[in-house]
Amino acid sequence: MVKRVQLVLNQDVSKLGKSGDLVDVAPGYARNYLIPQNLATHATPGILKQVERRREQERQRQLELKQQALEQKAALEGVGSLKIAKQVGENEAIFGTVTNQEVADAIQAATSQEVDRRGITIPDIGKLGTYKAEIKLHSEVTAQIDIEVVAN
């Protein structure tokens, strides 16, 4: 006869759940580890209401972030192509490569919007020409921009 205890997690616990999740665990695990480490609390009706309120606030915050990302996507795609000047050698081959930071700086100069360079995905650029770059603005929103590499 295995009895389970319902707890609400205060913090993320690996292989168990995220903060605010309602979980069923063994009583010994709850009594000896989760509650003394302040990782979880017993699920009472008042705490469940708090958790539900926090989830709703988080959902609203995520919707606002997504809306901002959609607006930023429209602004980025309205720019057209970004020009990046590089030194050129023989056969239109460029010296070095175009980096994510250079693309982020070009976006900042063109739109005065800051974009995280870690969310930018560019193809291998070795010659002059036009390339497409993807910018991940949100987990559900990705913008595509054209990058034109020109001679310096």
Protein backbone atom coordinates (compact mmCIF):
# COMPACT_ATOMS: atom_id res chain seq x y z
CA MET A 1 0.00 0.00 0.00
CA VAL A 2 1.94 3.01 -1.34
CA LYS A 3 0.64 6.36 -0.18
CA ARG A 4 1.60 9.47 -2.16
CA VAL A 5 1.85 13.05 -0.92
CA GLN A 6 0.86 16.08 -3.00
CA LEU A 7 3.31 18.97 -2.92
CA VAL A 8 3.74 22.27 -4.73
CA LEU A 9 7.32 22.89 -5.87
CA ASN A 10 8.93 26.16 -4.75
CA GLN A 11 11.91 25.71 -7.10
CA ASP A 12 12.74 23.69 -10.20
CA VAL A 13 13.70 20.13 -9.25
CA SER A 14 15.38 18.04 -11.95
CA LYS A 15 13.41 14.99 -13.06
CA LEU A 16 10.43 16.13 -10.97
CA GLY A 17 9.08 19.43 -12.22
CA LYS A 18 9.30 23.19 -12.45
CA SER A 19 8.51 25.82 -9.86
CA GLY A 20 4.77 25.96 -9.15
CA ASP A 21 4.03 22.42 -10.38
CA LEU A 22 1.77 20.15 -8.37
CA VAL A 23 3.53 16.79 -7.92
CA ASP A 24 2.81 13.46 -6.22
CA VAL A 25 5.83 12.03 -4.40
CA ALA A 26 6.58 9.36 -1.85
CA PRO A 27 6.11 10.57 1.75
CA GLY A 28 9.73 9.85 2.68
CA TYR A 29 11.06 11.88 -0.26
CA ALA A 30 8.84 14.78 0.76
CA ARG A 31 9.58 14.52 4.50
CA ASN A 32 13.33 13.92 4.25
CA TYR A 33 14.41 15.97 1.25
CA LEU A 34 11.93 18.29 -0.47
CA ILE A 35 10.39 20.02 2.54
CA PRO A 36 13.60 20.42 4.66
CA GLN A 37 15.47 21.84 1.64
CA ASN A 38 12.54 24.24 1.09
CA LEU A 39 12.09 22.88 -2.44
CA ALA A 40 8.37 22.17 -1.90
CA THR A 41 5.44 22.83 0.41
CA HIS A 42 2.31 20.83 1.17
CA ALA A 43 -0.55 21.49 -1.23
CA THR A 44 -3.31 23.36 0.59
CA PRO A 45 -6.27 25.09 -1.07
CA GLY A 46 -4.74 28.54 -0.40
CA ILE A 47 -1.39 27.58 -1.91
CA LEU A 48 -3.12 26.05 -4.93
CA LYS A 49 -4.91 29.39 -5.51
CA GLN A 50 -1.56 31.24 -5.29
CA VAL A 51 -0.02 28.82 -7.76
CA GLU A 52 -2.92 29.30 -10.17
CA ARG A 53 -2.61 33.09 -9.87
CA ARG A 54 1.16 32.89 -10.56
CA ARG A 55 0.56 30.69 -13.61
CA GLU A 56 -1.95 33.19 -14.99
CA GLN A 57 0.49 36.08 -14.46
CA GLU A 58 3.26 34.10 -16.19
CA ARG A 59 0.94 33.28 -19.09
CA GLN A 60 0.08 36.98 -19.48
CA ARG A 61 3.77 37.89 -19.36
CA GLN A 62 4.57 35.32 -22.06
CA LEU A 63 1.78 36.69 -24.26
CA GLU A 64 3.20 40.22 -23.90
CA LEU A 65 6.71 38.97 -24.76
CA LYS A 66 5.36 37.19 -27.84
CA GLN A 67 3.51 40.33 -28.93
CA GLN A 68 6.70 42.39 -28.56
CA ALA A 69 8.59 39.78 -30.58
CA LEU A 70 5.98 39.94 -33.36
CA GLU A 71 6.31 43.74 -33.49
CA GLN A 72 10.10 43.45 -33.58
CA LYS A 73 9.83 40.86 -36.39
CA ALA A 74 7.72 43.24 -38.47
CA ALA A 75 10.25 46.04 -37.92
CA LEU A 76 13.20 43.80 -38.84
CA GLU A 77 11.60 42.41 -41.98
CA GLY A 78 10.58 45.92 -43.07
CA VAL A 79 14.21 47.06 -43.16
CA GLY A 80 15.08 45.13 -46.31
CA SER A 81 18.69 44.04 -46.51
CA LEU A 82 21.51 44.94 -44.17
CA LYS A 83 24.89 45.82 -45.68
CA ILE A 84 28.04 44.52 -44.05
CA ALA A 85 31.38 45.67 -45.49
CA LYS A 86 34.31 43.23 -45.46
CA GLN A 87 37.80 43.19 -46.98
CA VAL A 88 37.89 41.25 -50.22
CA GLY A 89 40.62 39.13 -51.82
CA GLU A 90 40.72 37.19 -55.07
CA ASN A 91 37.52 35.78 -56.62
CA GLU A 92 35.35 37.94 -54.34
CA ALA A 93 36.43 35.90 -51.30
CA ILE A 94 36.24 37.80 -48.04
CA PHE A 95 38.87 37.83 -45.34
CA GLY A 96 37.51 36.24 -42.17
CA THR A 97 33.79 35.66 -41.84
CA VAL A 98 30.64 37.53 -40.96
CA THR A 99 29.91 37.03 -37.27
CA ASN A 100 26.69 37.12 -35.29
CA GLN A 101 27.95 40.22 -33.48
CA GLU A 102 28.44 42.08 -36.76
CA VAL A 103 24.88 41.21 -37.80
CA ALA A 104 23.56 42.32 -34.38
CA ASP A 105 25.47 45.62 -34.70
CA ALA A 106 24.08 46.17 -38.22
CA ILE A 107 20.54 45.55 -36.94
CA GLN A 108 21.16 47.97 -34.07
CA ALA A 109 22.36 50.64 -36.51
CA ALA A 110 19.49 50.14 -38.97
CA THR A 111 16.53 49.75 -36.61
CA SER A 112 17.84 50.99 -33.23
CA GLN A 113 16.54 47.72 -31.77
CA GLU A 114 18.78 45.47 -29.74
CA VAL A 115 18.88 41.82 -30.78
CA ASP A 116 20.61 39.07 -28.83
CA ARG A 117 23.50 37.80 -30.96
CA ARG A 118 23.01 34.26 -29.60
CA GLY A 119 19.64 34.08 -31.33
CA ILE A 120 21.09 34.86 -34.76
CA THR A 121 21.77 32.00 -37.16
CA ILE A 122 23.76 32.83 -40.29
CA PRO A 123 25.05 30.52 -43.01
CA ASP A 124 28.77 30.14 -43.73
CA ILE A 125 29.68 33.29 -45.59
CA GLY A 126 32.91 33.20 -47.58
CA LYS A 127 32.17 35.39 -50.62
CA LEU A 128 30.43 38.61 -51.50
CA GLY A 129 26.70 38.33 -52.08
CA THR A 130 23.32 38.21 -50.40
CA TYR A 131 22.54 35.72 -47.66
CA LYS A 132 19.55 34.99 -45.44
CA ALA A 133 19.89 35.07 -41.66
CA GLU A 134 17.38 33.80 -39.11
CA ILE A 135 16.82 35.65 -35.87
CA LYS A 136 15.04 33.88 -33.04
CA LEU A 137 13.14 36.59 -31.16
CA HIS A 138 10.91 34.31 -29.08
CA SER A 139 10.40 30.58 -28.75
CA GLU A 140 7.58 30.85 -31.32
CA VAL A 141 8.73 33.86 -33.38
CA THR A 142 11.57 33.78 -35.92
CA ALA A 143 12.41 36.59 -38.35
CA GLN A 144 14.36 36.28 -41.59
CA ILE A 145 16.49 39.11 -42.89
CA ASP A 146 18.75 39.55 -45.91
CA ILE A 147 22.41 40.29 -45.35
CA GLU A 148 24.33 41.81 -48.22
CA VAL A 149 28.10 41.41 -47.94
CA VAL A 150 29.86 44.17 -49.87
CA ALA A 151 33.49 45.08 -50.51
CA ASN A 152 35.11 47.42 -48.03
